[in-house]
Amino acid sequence: MKVNWLSLACAAFFMTFAVVARADFKRNIDWCIGNHTSDPGQTNCPDQYAVTYPECITGGGRACLMQKAIASAKANDCANAFRLALICQCHNDSARSELASAGQQAICDYLRTK
């Protein structure tokens, strides 16, 4: 049996990258959960909060939004939980990309653990 070592090395690299990206999405969510603010400017995108949970604009910012996301996840409303997680990182394209790559189900499952 002939082994293609280059293919195996590439597969190992991409599997490692996927694990790191998965861990990063959790770090990004945890950061949001702990980011309590009362200044609307600190949310970075109050317009997105206004159409979801306007009370979070001055009542906790990202931390408030993530409490709503956690409640949504626990109520099996994964679409809303995912949307709120993306809004939380509206200021950070890299973090939003990591969340999007992880996907709605992974985000929802993780939020259920909170």
PDB file of N, CA and C in Angstrom:
ATOM      1  N   MET A   1       0.851  -1.182   0.000  1.00  0.00           N
ATOM      2  CA  MET A   1       0.000   0.000   0.000  1.00  0.00           C
ATOM      3  C   MET A   1       0.889   1.236   0.000  1.00  0.00           C
ATOM      4  N   LYS A   2       0.677   2.077  -0.959  1.00  0.00           N
ATOM      5  CA  LYS A   2       1.458   3.301  -1.096  1.00  0.00           C
ATOM      6  C   LYS A   2       0.774   4.430  -0.333  1.00  0.00           C
ATOM      7  N   VAL A   3       1.537   5.131   0.507  1.00  0.00           N
ATOM      8  CA  VAL A   3       1.003   6.211   1.318  1.00  0.00           C
ATOM      9  C   VAL A   3       1.444   7.550   0.749  1.00  0.00           C
ATOM     10  N   ASN A   4       0.509   8.437   0.571  1.00  0.00           N
ATOM     11  CA  ASN A   4       0.822   9.773   0.094  1.00  0.00           C
ATOM     12  C   ASN A   4       0.975  10.668   1.321  1.00  0.00           C
ATOM     13  N   TRP A   5       2.210  10.868   1.748  1.00  0.00           N
ATOM     14  CA  TRP A   5       2.502  11.606   2.972  1.00  0.00           C
ATOM     15  C   TRP A   5       2.094  13.069   2.881  1.00  0.00           C
ATOM     16  N   LEU A   6       2.228  13.640   1.707  1.00  0.00           N
ATOM     17  CA  LEU A   6       1.833  15.036   1.537  1.00  0.00           C
ATOM     18  C   LEU A   6       0.328  15.195   1.767  1.00  0.00           C
ATOM     19  N   SER A   7      -0.458  14.285   1.223  1.00  0.00           N
ATOM     20  CA  SER A   7      -1.913  14.353   1.423  1.00  0.00           C
ATOM     21  C   SER A   7      -2.275  14.187   2.894  1.00  0.00           C
ATOM     22  N   LEU A   8      -1.602  13.269   3.574  1.00  0.00           N
ATOM     23  CA  LEU A   8      -1.851  13.069   4.995  1.00  0.00           C
ATOM     24  C   LEU A   8      -1.467  14.297   5.803  1.00  0.00           C
ATOM     25  N   ALA A   9      -0.347  14.910   5.466  1.00  0.00           N
ATOM     26  CA  ALA A   9       0.094  16.111   6.176  1.00  0.00           C
ATOM     27  C   ALA A   9      -0.896  17.253   5.967  1.00  0.00           C
ATOM     28  N   CYS A  10      -1.369  17.419   4.745  1.00  0.00           N
ATOM     29  CA  CYS A  10      -2.350  18.470   4.459  1.00  0.00           C
ATOM     30  C   CYS A  10      -3.653  18.224   5.213  1.00  0.00           C
ATOM     31  N   ALA A  11      -4.098  16.993   5.242  1.00  0.00           N
ATOM     32  CA  ALA A  11      -5.331  16.669   5.962  1.00  0.00           C
ATOM     33  C   ALA A  11      -5.177  16.965   7.448  1.00  0.00           C
ATOM     34  N   ALA A  12      -4.035  16.605   8.012  1.00  0.00           N
ATOM     35  CA  ALA A  12      -3.786  16.872   9.434  1.00  0.00           C
ATOM     36  C   ALA A  12      -3.780  18.371   9.710  1.00  0.00           C
ATOM     37  N   PHE A  13      -3.160  19.139   8.814  1.00  0.00           N
ATOM     38  CA  PHE A  13      -3.118  20.593   8.979  1.00  0.00           C
ATOM     39  C   PHE A  13      -4.518  21.180   8.982  1.00  0.00           C
ATOM     40  N   PHE A  14      -5.353  20.792   8.030  1.00  0.00           N
ATOM     41  CA  PHE A  14      -6.700  21.350   7.937  1.00  0.00           C
ATOM     42  C   PHE A  14      -7.578  20.908   9.098  1.00  0.00           C
ATOM     43  N   MET A  15      -7.388  19.695   9.595  1.00  0.00           N
ATOM     44  CA  MET A  15      -8.143  19.250  10.763  1.00  0.00           C
ATOM     45  C   MET A  15      -7.739  20.061  11.989  1.00  0.00           C
ATOM     46  N   THR A  16      -6.454  20.349  12.129  1.00  0.00           N
ATOM     47  CA  THR A  16      -5.973  21.173  13.238  1.00  0.00           C
ATOM     48  C   THR A  16      -6.545  22.576  13.128  1.00  0.00           C
ATOM     49  N   PHE A  17      -6.555  23.139  11.935  1.00  0.00           N
ATOM     50  CA  PHE A  17      -7.110  24.469  11.706  1.00  0.00           C
ATOM     51  C   PHE A  17      -8.585  24.509  12.080  1.00  0.00           C
ATOM     52  N   ALA A  18      -9.333  23.467  11.735  1.00  0.00           N
ATOM     53  CA  ALA A  18     -10.761  23.422  12.057  1.00  0.00           C
ATOM     54  C   ALA A  18     -10.975  23.404  13.569  1.00  0.00           C
ATOM     55  N   VAL A  19     -10.145  22.680  14.302  1.00  0.00           N
ATOM     56  CA  VAL A  19     -10.259  22.632  15.757  1.00  0.00           C
ATOM     57  C   VAL A  19      -9.951  23.996  16.355  1.00  0.00           C
ATOM     58  N   VAL A  20      -8.918  24.669  15.851  1.00  0.00           N
ATOM     59  CA  VAL A  20      -8.557  25.997  16.346  1.00  0.00           C
ATOM     60  C   VAL A  20      -9.684  26.985  16.054  1.00  0.00           C
ATOM     61  N   ALA A  21     -10.236  26.960  14.852  1.00  0.00           N
ATOM     62  CA  ALA A  21     -11.333  27.869  14.502  1.00  0.00           C
ATOM     63  C   ALA A  21     -12.538  27.613  15.393  1.00  0.00           C
ATOM     64  N   ARG A  22     -12.806  26.353  15.709  1.00  0.00           N
ATOM     65  CA  ARG A  22     -13.932  26.021  16.568  1.00  0.00           C
ATOM     66  C   ARG A  22     -13.708  26.590  17.970  1.00  0.00           C
ATOM     67  N   ALA A  23     -12.481  26.482  18.462  1.00  0.00           N
ATOM     68  CA  ALA A  23     -12.175  27.031  19.789  1.00  0.00           C
ATOM     69  C   ALA A  23     -12.296  28.555  19.772  1.00  0.00           C
ATOM     70  N   ASP A  24     -11.910  29.186  18.671  1.00  0.00           N
ATOM     71  CA  ASP A  24     -11.994  30.638  18.574  1.00  0.00           C
ATOM     72  C   ASP A  24     -13.431  31.130  18.642  1.00  0.00           C
ATOM     73  N   PHE A  25     -14.359  30.414  18.054  1.00  0.00           N
ATOM     74  CA  PHE A  25     -15.743  30.883  18.109  1.00  0.00           C
ATOM     75  C   PHE A  25     -16.226  30.897  19.557  1.00  0.00           C
ATOM     76  N   LYS A  26     -15.792  29.953  20.360  1.00  0.00           N
ATOM     77  CA  LYS A  26     -16.185  29.940  21.776  1.00  0.00           C
ATOM     78  C   LYS A  26     -15.566  31.122  22.515  1.00  0.00           C
ATOM     79  N   ARG A  27     -14.331  31.422  22.195  1.00  0.00           N
ATOM     80  CA  ARG A  27     -13.655  32.575  22.815  1.00  0.00           C
ATOM     81  C   ARG A  27     -14.395  33.854  22.450  1.00  0.00           C
ATOM     82  N   ASN A  28     -14.824  33.974  21.219  1.00  0.00           N
ATOM     83  CA  ASN A  28     -15.548  35.168  20.774  1.00  0.00           C
ATOM     84  C   ASN A  28     -16.900  35.296  21.480  1.00  0.00           C
ATOM     85  N   ILE A  29     -17.593  34.201  21.669  1.00  0.00           N
ATOM     86  CA  ILE A  29     -18.865  34.238  22.394  1.00  0.00           C
ATOM     87  C   ILE A  29     -18.630  34.593  23.853  1.00  0.00           C
ATOM     88  N   ASP A  30     -17.638  33.967  24.459  1.00  0.00           N
ATOM     89  CA  ASP A  30     -17.348  34.246  25.872  1.00  0.00           C
ATOM     90  C   ASP A  30     -16.983  35.712  26.087  1.00  0.00           C
ATOM     91  N   TRP A  31     -16.258  36.292  25.142  1.00  0.00           N
ATOM     92  CA  TRP A  31     -15.912  37.710  25.241  1.00  0.00           C
ATOM     93  C   TRP A  31     -17.184  38.553  25.240  1.00  0.00           C
ATOM     94  N   CYS A  32     -18.109  38.225  24.356  1.00  0.00           N
ATOM     95  CA  CYS A  32     -19.374  38.967  24.290  1.00  0.00           C
ATOM     96  C   CYS A  32     -20.151  38.852  25.594  1.00  0.00           C
ATOM     97  N   ILE A  33     -20.202  37.654  26.142  1.00  0.00           N
ATOM     98  CA  ILE A  33     -20.949  37.429  27.379  1.00  0.00           C
ATOM     99  C   ILE A  33     -20.409  38.313  28.498  1.00  0.00           C
ATOM    100  N   GLY A  34     -19.114  38.508  28.527  1.00  0.00           N
ATOM    101  CA  GLY A  34     -18.499  39.292  29.594  1.00  0.00           C
ATOM    102  C   GLY A  34     -18.374  40.778  29.317  1.00  0.00           C
ATOM    103  N   ASN A  35     -18.847  41.236  28.160  1.00  0.00           N
ATOM    104  CA  ASN A  35     -18.671  42.635  27.774  1.00  0.00           C
ATOM    105  C   ASN A  35     -19.922  43.446  28.108  1.00  0.00           C
ATOM    106  N   HIS A  36     -20.012  43.904  29.341  1.00  0.00           N
ATOM    107  CA  HIS A  36     -21.163  44.677  29.834  1.00  0.00           C
ATOM    108  C   HIS A  36     -20.898  46.167  29.651  1.00  0.00           C
ATOM    109  N   THR A  37     -21.808  46.858  28.972  1.00  0.00           N
ATOM    110  CA  THR A  37     -21.662  48.298  28.739  1.00  0.00           C
ATOM    111  C   THR A  37     -23.006  48.992  28.965  1.00  0.00           C
ATOM    112  N   SER A  38     -22.944  50.300  29.130  1.00  0.00           N
ATOM    113  CA  SER A  38     -24.177  51.090  29.227  1.00  0.00           C
ATOM    114  C   SER A  38     -24.172  52.266  28.242  1.00  0.00           C
ATOM    115  N   ASP A  39     -23.065  52.475  27.568  1.00  0.00           N
ATOM    116  CA  ASP A  39     -22.931  53.536  26.577  1.00  0.00           C
ATOM    117  C   ASP A  39     -23.311  52.976  25.203  1.00  0.00           C
ATOM    118  N   PRO A  40     -24.350  53.517  24.555  1.00  0.00           N
ATOM    119  CA  PRO A  40     -24.770  52.998  23.251  1.00  0.00           C
ATOM    120  C   PRO A  40     -23.645  52.911  22.220  1.00  0.00           C
ATOM    121  N   GLY A  41     -22.708  53.835  22.280  1.00  0.00           N
ATOM    122  CA  GLY A  41     -21.603  53.817  21.328  1.00  0.00           C
ATOM    123  C   GLY A  41     -20.702  52.612  21.472  1.00  0.00           C
ATOM    124  N   GLN A  42     -20.681  52.037  22.652  1.00  0.00           N
ATOM    125  CA  GLN A  42     -19.810  50.887  22.878  1.00  0.00           C
ATOM    126  C   GLN A  42     -20.358  49.600  22.274  1.00  0.00           C
ATOM    127  N   THR A  43     -21.597  49.608  21.847  1.00  0.00           N
ATOM    128  CA  THR A  43     -22.135  48.416  21.174  1.00  0.00           C
ATOM    129  C   THR A  43     -21.628  48.342  19.734  1.00  0.00           C
ATOM    130  N   ASN A  44     -21.178  49.463  19.209  1.00  0.00           N
ATOM    131  CA  ASN A  44     -20.657  49.613  17.851  1.00  0.00           C
ATOM    132  C   ASN A  44     -21.715  49.572  16.756  1.00  0.00           C
ATOM    133  N   CYS A  45     -22.859  49.029  17.033  1.00  0.00           N
ATOM    134  CA  CYS A  45     -23.910  48.973  16.007  1.00  0.00           C
ATOM    135  C   CYS A  45     -25.283  49.010  16.681  1.00  0.00           C
ATOM    136  N   PRO A  46     -25.590  50.138  17.339  1.00  0.00           N
ATOM    137  CA  PRO A  46     -26.868  50.224  18.052  1.00  0.00           C
ATOM    138  C   PRO A  46     -28.085  50.020  17.147  1.00  0.00           C
ATOM    139  N   ASP A  47     -27.932  50.291  15.853  1.00  0.00           N
ATOM    140  CA  ASP A  47     -29.046  50.089  14.929  1.00  0.00           C
ATOM    141  C   ASP A  47     -29.469  48.622  14.886  1.00  0.00           C
ATOM    142  N   GLN A  48     -28.505  47.709  14.983  1.00  0.00           N
ATOM    143  CA  GLN A  48     -28.832  46.281  14.973  1.00  0.00           C
ATOM    144  C   GLN A  48     -29.462  45.847  16.297  1.00  0.00           C
ATOM    145  N   TYR A  49     -29.049  46.479  17.376  1.00  0.00           N
ATOM    146  CA  TYR A  49     -29.672  46.203  18.677  1.00  0.00           C
ATOM    147  C   TYR A  49     -31.112  46.726  18.675  1.00  0.00           C
ATOM    148  N   ALA A  50     -31.308  47.889  18.067  1.00  0.00           N
ATOM    149  CA  ALA A  50     -32.622  48.537  18.076  1.00  0.00           C
ATOM    150  C   ALA A  50     -33.705  47.671  17.442  1.00  0.00           C
ATOM    151  N   VAL A  51     -33.342  46.879  16.453  1.00  0.00           N
ATOM    152  CA  VAL A  51     -34.334  46.035  15.784  1.00  0.00           C
ATOM    153  C   VAL A  51     -34.459  44.649  16.417  1.00  0.00           C
ATOM    154  N   THR A  52     -33.641  44.363  17.423  1.00  0.00           N
ATOM    155  CA  THR A  52     -33.739  43.075  18.110  1.00  0.00           C
ATOM    156  C   THR A  52     -34.158  43.277  19.566  1.00  0.00           C
ATOM    157  N   TYR A  53     -33.238  43.796  20.364  1.00  0.00           N
ATOM    158  CA  TYR A  53     -33.495  44.026  21.788  1.00  0.00           C
ATOM    159  C   TYR A  53     -32.992  45.418  22.152  1.00  0.00           C
ATOM    160  N   PRO A  54     -33.807  46.452  21.904  1.00  0.00           N
ATOM    161  CA  PRO A  54     -33.361  47.822  22.155  1.00  0.00           C
ATOM    162  C   PRO A  54     -32.976  48.090  23.605  1.00  0.00           C
ATOM    163  N   GLU A  55     -33.557  47.351  24.529  1.00  0.00           N
ATOM    164  CA  GLU A  55     -33.206  47.547  25.935  1.00  0.00           C
ATOM    165  C   GLU A  55     -31.739  47.221  26.223  1.00  0.00           C
ATOM    166  N   CYS A  56     -31.120  46.453  25.363  1.00  0.00           N
ATOM    167  CA  CYS A  56     -29.709  46.094  25.557  1.00  0.00           C
ATOM    168  C   CYS A  56     -28.749  47.232  25.176  1.00  0.00           C
ATOM    169  N   ILE A  57     -29.230  48.206  24.423  1.00  0.00           N
ATOM    170  CA  ILE A  57     -28.352  49.298  23.991  1.00  0.00           C
ATOM    171  C   ILE A  57     -27.748  50.006  25.193  1.00  0.00           C
ATOM    172  N   THR A  58     -28.560  50.298  26.199  1.00  0.00           N
ATOM    173  CA  THR A  58     -28.048  50.972  27.395  1.00  0.00           C
ATOM    174  C   THR A  58     -28.102  50.070  28.624  1.00  0.00           C
ATOM    175  N   GLY A  59     -28.580  48.852  28.462  1.00  0.00           N
ATOM    176  CA  GLY A  59     -28.746  47.959  29.597  1.00  0.00           C
ATOM    177  C   GLY A  59     -27.850  46.744  29.582  1.00  0.00           C
ATOM    178  N   GLY A  60     -26.607  46.947  29.222  1.00  0.00           N
ATOM    179  CA  GLY A  60     -25.661  45.830  29.265  1.00  0.00           C
ATOM    180  C   GLY A  60     -24.939  45.572  27.970  1.00  0.00           C
ATOM    181  N   GLY A  61     -25.434  46.128  26.868  1.00  0.00           N
ATOM    182  CA  GLY A  61     -24.743  45.960  25.592  1.00  0.00           C
ATOM    183  C   GLY A  61     -24.628  44.497  25.179  1.00  0.00           C
ATOM    184  N   ARG A  62     -23.419  44.087  24.865  1.00  0.00           N
ATOM    185  CA  ARG A  62     -23.192  42.727  24.385  1.00  0.00           C
ATOM    186  C   ARG A  62     -23.595  41.674  25.421  1.00  0.00           C
ATOM    187  N   ALA A  63     -23.311  41.937  26.696  1.00  0.00           N
ATOM    188  CA  ALA A  63     -23.660  40.970  27.742  1.00  0.00           C
ATOM    189  C   ALA A  63     -25.172  40.734  27.764  1.00  0.00           C
ATOM    190  N   CYS A  64     -25.938  41.792  27.653  1.00  0.00           N
ATOM    191  CA  CYS A  64     -27.402  41.688  27.611  1.00  0.00           C
ATOM    192  C   CYS A  64     -27.836  40.904  26.380  1.00  0.00           C
ATOM    193  N   LEU A  65     -27.285  41.258  25.232  1.00  0.00           N
ATOM    194  CA  LEU A  65     -27.639  40.578  23.991  1.00  0.00           C
ATOM    195  C   LEU A  65     -27.346  39.086  24.086  1.00  0.00           C
ATOM    196  N   MET A  66     -26.233  38.732  24.709  1.00  0.00           N
ATOM    197  CA  MET A  66     -25.877  37.321  24.816  1.00  0.00           C
ATOM    198  C   MET A  66     -26.758  36.579  25.821  1.00  0.00           C
ATOM    199  N   GLN A  67     -27.261  37.278  26.837  1.00  0.00           N
ATOM    200  CA  GLN A  67     -28.232  36.631  27.729  1.00  0.00           C
ATOM    201  C   GLN A  67     -29.491  36.279  26.946  1.00  0.00           C
ATOM    202  N   LYS A  68     -29.883  37.147  26.026  1.00  0.00           N
ATOM    203  CA  LYS A  68     -31.027  36.863  25.155  1.00  0.00           C
ATOM    204  C   LYS A  68     -30.704  35.693  24.222  1.00  0.00           C
ATOM    205  N   ALA A  69     -29.463  35.651  23.732  1.00  0.00           N
ATOM    206  CA  ALA A  69     -29.043  34.555  22.853  1.00  0.00           C
ATOM    207  C   ALA A  69     -29.050  33.231  23.600  1.00  0.00           C
ATOM    208  N   ILE A  70     -28.579  33.237  24.833  1.00  0.00           N
ATOM    209  CA  ILE A  70     -28.568  32.019  25.657  1.00  0.00           C
ATOM    210  C   ILE A  70     -30.001  31.541  25.894  1.00  0.00           C
ATOM    211  N   ALA A  71     -30.891  32.467  26.236  1.00  0.00           N
ATOM    212  CA  ALA A  71     -32.297  32.107  26.447  1.00  0.00           C
ATOM    213  C   ALA A  71     -32.903  31.537  25.162  1.00  0.00           C
ATOM    214  N   SER A  72     -32.570  32.145  24.031  1.00  0.00           N
ATOM    215  CA  SER A  72     -33.076  31.644  22.745  1.00  0.00           C
ATOM    216  C   SER A  72     -32.559  30.237  22.470  1.00  0.00           C
ATOM    217  N   ALA A  73     -31.276  30.014  22.718  1.00  0.00           N
ATOM    218  CA  ALA A  73     -30.699  28.686  22.485  1.00  0.00           C
ATOM    219  C   ALA A  73     -31.383  27.638  23.366  1.00  0.00           C
ATOM    220  N   LYS A  74     -31.597  27.991  24.622  1.00  0.00           N
ATOM    221  CA  LYS A  74     -32.231  27.049  25.550  1.00  0.00           C
ATOM    222  C   LYS A  74     -33.694  26.802  25.202  1.00  0.00           C
ATOM    223  N   ALA A  75     -34.310  27.746  24.480  1.00  0.00           N
ATOM    224  CA  ALA A  75     -35.686  27.581  24.005  1.00  0.00           C
ATOM    225  C   ALA A  75     -35.729  26.965  22.602  1.00  0.00           C
ATOM    226  N   ASN A  76     -34.593  26.495  22.129  1.00  0.00           N
ATOM    227  CA  ASN A  76     -34.453  25.878  20.804  1.00  0.00           C
ATOM    228  C   ASN A  76     -34.738  26.832  19.653  1.00  0.00           C
ATOM    229  N   ASP A  77     -34.539  28.120  19.881  1.00  0.00           N
ATOM    230  CA  ASP A  77     -34.640  29.111  18.805  1.00  0.00           C
ATOM    231  C   ASP A  77     -33.207  29.420  18.352  1.00  0.00           C
ATOM    232  N   CYS A  78     -32.630  28.442  17.682  1.00  0.00           N
ATOM    233  CA  CYS A  78     -31.221  28.554  17.283  1.00  0.00           C
ATOM    234  C   CYS A  78     -30.981  29.654  16.259  1.00  0.00           C
ATOM    235  N   ALA A  79     -31.960  29.925  15.424  1.00  0.00           N
ATOM    236  CA  ALA A  79     -31.797  30.986  14.426  1.00  0.00           C
ATOM    237  C   ALA A  79     -31.596  32.334  15.109  1.00  0.00           C
ATOM    238  N   ASN A  80     -32.400  32.615  16.132  1.00  0.00           N
ATOM    239  CA  ASN A  80     -32.255  33.880  16.848  1.00  0.00           C
ATOM    240  C   ASN A  80     -30.953  33.915  17.640  1.00  0.00           C
ATOM    241  N   ALA A  81     -30.609  32.822  18.296  1.00  0.00           N
ATOM    242  CA  ALA A  81     -29.361  32.766  19.060  1.00  0.00           C
ATOM    243  C   ALA A  81     -28.162  33.043  18.151  1.00  0.00           C
ATOM    244  N   PHE A  82     -28.164  32.460  16.986  1.00  0.00           N
ATOM    245  CA  PHE A  82     -27.076  32.652  16.022  1.00  0.00           C
ATOM    246  C   PHE A  82     -27.032  34.100  15.541  1.00  0.00           C
ATOM    247  N   ARG A  83     -28.186  34.644  15.225  1.00  0.00           N
ATOM    248  CA  ARG A  83     -28.258  36.043  14.763  1.00  0.00           C
ATOM    249  C   ARG A  83     -27.709  36.993  15.818  1.00  0.00           C
ATOM    250  N   LEU A  84     -28.061  36.762  17.072  1.00  0.00           N
ATOM    251  CA  LEU A  84     -27.585  37.632  18.150  1.00  0.00           C
ATOM    252  C   LEU A  84     -26.084  37.492  18.369  1.00  0.00           C
ATOM    253  N   ALA A  85     -25.565  36.283  18.228  1.00  0.00           N
ATOM    254  CA  ALA A  85     -24.116  36.087  18.354  1.00  0.00           C
ATOM    255  C   ALA A  85     -23.378  36.869  17.261  1.00  0.00           C
ATOM    256  N   LEU A  86     -23.926  36.876  16.065  1.00  0.00           N
ATOM    257  CA  LEU A  86     -23.304  37.639  14.975  1.00  0.00           C
ATOM    258  C   LEU A  86     -23.388  39.144  15.238  1.00  0.00           C
ATOM    259  N   ILE A  87     -24.516  39.607  15.754  1.00  0.00           N
ATOM    260  CA  ILE A  87     -24.656  41.033  16.067  1.00  0.00           C
ATOM    261  C   ILE A  87     -23.638  41.438  17.127  1.00  0.00           C
ATOM    262  N   CYS A  88     -23.429  40.583  18.095  1.00  0.00           N
ATOM    263  CA  CYS A  88     -22.486  40.887  19.170  1.00  0.00           C
ATOM    264  C   CYS A  88     -21.096  41.204  18.625  1.00  0.00           C
ATOM    265  N   GLN A  89     -20.734  40.573  17.536  1.00  0.00           N
ATOM    266  CA  GLN A  89     -19.412  40.790  16.948  1.00  0.00           C
ATOM    267  C   GLN A  89     -19.498  41.654  15.691  1.00  0.00           C
ATOM    268  N   CYS A  90     -20.465  42.571  15.655  1.00  0.00           N
ATOM    269  CA  CYS A  90     -20.669  43.407  14.470  1.00  0.00           C
ATOM    270  C   CYS A  90     -19.457  44.272  14.146  1.00  0.00           C
ATOM    271  N   HIS A  91     -18.633  44.524  15.118  1.00  0.00           N
ATOM    272  CA  HIS A  91     -17.460  45.390  14.954  1.00  0.00           C
ATOM    273  C   HIS A  91     -16.216  44.623  14.507  1.00  0.00           C
ATOM    274  N   ASN A  92     -16.283  43.287  14.484  1.00  0.00           N
ATOM    275  CA  ASN A  92     -15.105  42.468  14.267  1.00  0.00           C
ATOM    276  C   ASN A  92     -15.377  41.456  13.151  1.00  0.00           C
ATOM    277  N   ASP A  93     -14.961  41.791  11.939  1.00  0.00           N
ATOM    278  CA  ASP A  93     -15.223  40.925  10.786  1.00  0.00           C
ATOM    279  C   ASP A  93     -14.597  39.540  10.939  1.00  0.00           C
ATOM    280  N   SER A  94     -13.429  39.475  11.539  1.00  0.00           N
ATOM    281  CA  SER A  94     -12.764  38.182  11.731  1.00  0.00           C
ATOM    282  C   SER A  94     -13.568  37.295  12.675  1.00  0.00           C
ATOM    283  N   ALA A  95     -14.023  37.855  13.776  1.00  0.00           N
ATOM    284  CA  ALA A  95     -14.822  37.090  14.729  1.00  0.00           C
ATOM    285  C   ALA A  95     -16.149  36.660  14.101  1.00  0.00           C
ATOM    286  N   ARG A  96     -16.772  37.546  13.352  1.00  0.00           N
ATOM    287  CA  ARG A  96     -18.040  37.200  12.678  1.00  0.00           C
ATOM    288  C   ARG A  96     -17.826  36.051  11.707  1.00  0.00           C
ATOM    289  N   SER A  97     -16.708  36.079  11.013  1.00  0.00           N
ATOM    290  CA  SER A  97     -16.386  35.011  10.076  1.00  0.00           C
ATOM    291  C   SER A  97     -16.196  33.676  10.807  1.00  0.00           C
ATOM    292  N   GLU A  98     -15.534  33.719  11.957  1.00  0.00           N
ATOM    293  CA  GLU A  98     -15.342  32.498  12.753  1.00  0.00           C
ATOM    294  C   GLU A  98     -16.678  31.955  13.242  1.00  0.00           C
ATOM    295  N   LEU A  99     -17.551  32.843  13.685  1.00  0.00           N
ATOM    296  CA  LEU A  99     -18.876  32.412  14.130  1.00  0.00           C
ATOM    297  C   LEU A  99     -19.667  31.807  12.971  1.00  0.00           C
ATOM    298  N   ALA A 100     -19.615  32.477  11.829  1.00  0.00           N
ATOM    299  CA  ALA A 100     -20.329  31.976  10.652  1.00  0.00           C
ATOM    300  C   ALA A 100     -19.781  30.620  10.219  1.00  0.00           C
ATOM    301  N   SER A 101     -18.470  30.461  10.282  1.00  0.00           N
ATOM    302  CA  SER A 101     -17.856  29.183   9.905  1.00  0.00           C
ATOM    303  C   SER A 101     -18.250  28.064  10.863  1.00  0.00           C
ATOM    304  N   ALA A 102     -18.363  28.388  12.133  1.00  0.00           N
ATOM    305  CA  ALA A 102     -18.766  27.374  13.117  1.00  0.00           C
ATOM    306  C   ALA A 102     -20.192  26.912  12.835  1.00  0.00           C
ATOM    307  N   GLY A 103     -21.028  27.851  12.426  1.00  0.00           N
ATOM    308  CA  GLY A 103     -22.394  27.508  12.050  1.00  0.00           C
ATOM    309  C   GLY A 103     -23.402  27.641  13.171  1.00  0.00           C
ATOM    310  N   GLN A 104     -24.641  27.751  12.759  1.00  0.00           N
ATOM    311  CA  GLN A 104     -25.741  27.980  13.689  1.00  0.00           C
ATOM    312  C   GLN A 104     -25.834  26.897  14.759  1.00  0.00           C
ATOM    313  N   GLN A 105     -25.730  25.640  14.372  1.00  0.00           N
ATOM    314  CA  GLN A 105     -25.930  24.561  15.345  1.00  0.00           C
ATOM    315  C   GLN A 105     -24.831  24.552  16.408  1.00  0.00           C
ATOM    316  N   ALA A 106     -23.589  24.744  16.001  1.00  0.00           N
ATOM    317  CA  ALA A 106     -22.483  24.755  16.969  1.00  0.00           C
ATOM    318  C   ALA A 106     -22.626  25.925  17.939  1.00  0.00           C
ATOM    319  N   ILE A 107     -23.020  27.079  17.421  1.00  0.00           N
ATOM    320  CA  ILE A 107     -23.218  28.258  18.271  1.00  0.00           C
ATOM    321  C   ILE A 107     -24.343  27.981  19.267  1.00  0.00           C
ATOM    322  N   CYS A 108     -25.432  27.454  18.786  1.00  0.00           N
ATOM    323  CA  CYS A 108     -26.583  27.169  19.629  1.00  0.00           C
ATOM    324  C   CYS A 108     -26.224  26.138  20.707  1.00  0.00           C
ATOM    325  N   ASP A 109     -25.561  25.091  20.318  1.00  0.00           N
ATOM    326  CA  ASP A 109     -25.157  24.059  21.287  1.00  0.00           C
ATOM    327  C   ASP A 109     -24.256  24.646  22.371  1.00  0.00           C
ATOM    328  N   TYR A 110     -23.333  25.506  21.970  1.00  0.00           N
ATOM    329  CA  TYR A 110     -22.431  26.098  22.955  1.00  0.00           C
ATOM    330  C   TYR A 110     -23.179  27.047  23.898  1.00  0.00           C
ATOM    331  N   LEU A 111     -24.083  27.836  23.338  1.00  0.00           N
ATOM    332  CA  LEU A 111     -24.841  28.761  24.175  1.00  0.00           C
ATOM    333  C   LEU A 111     -25.720  28.030  25.182  1.00  0.00           C
ATOM    334  N   ARG A 112     -26.181  26.837  24.831  1.00  0.00           N
ATOM    335  CA  ARG A 112     -26.993  26.053  25.763  1.00  0.00           C
ATOM    336  C   ARG A 112     -26.199  25.644  27.004  1.00  0.00           C
ATOM    337  N   THR A 113     -24.883  25.645  26.911  1.00  0.00           N
ATOM    338  CA  THR A 113     -24.054  25.246  28.056  1.00  0.00           C
ATOM    339  C   THR A 113     -23.861  26.392  29.046  1.00  0.00           C
ATOM    340  N   LYS A 114     -24.303  27.566  28.692  1.00  0.00           N
ATOM    341  CA  LYS A 114     -24.094  28.766  29.542  1.00  0.00           C
ATOM    342  C   LYS A 114     -25.222  28.967  30.517  1.00  0.00           C
TER     343      LYS A 114
END
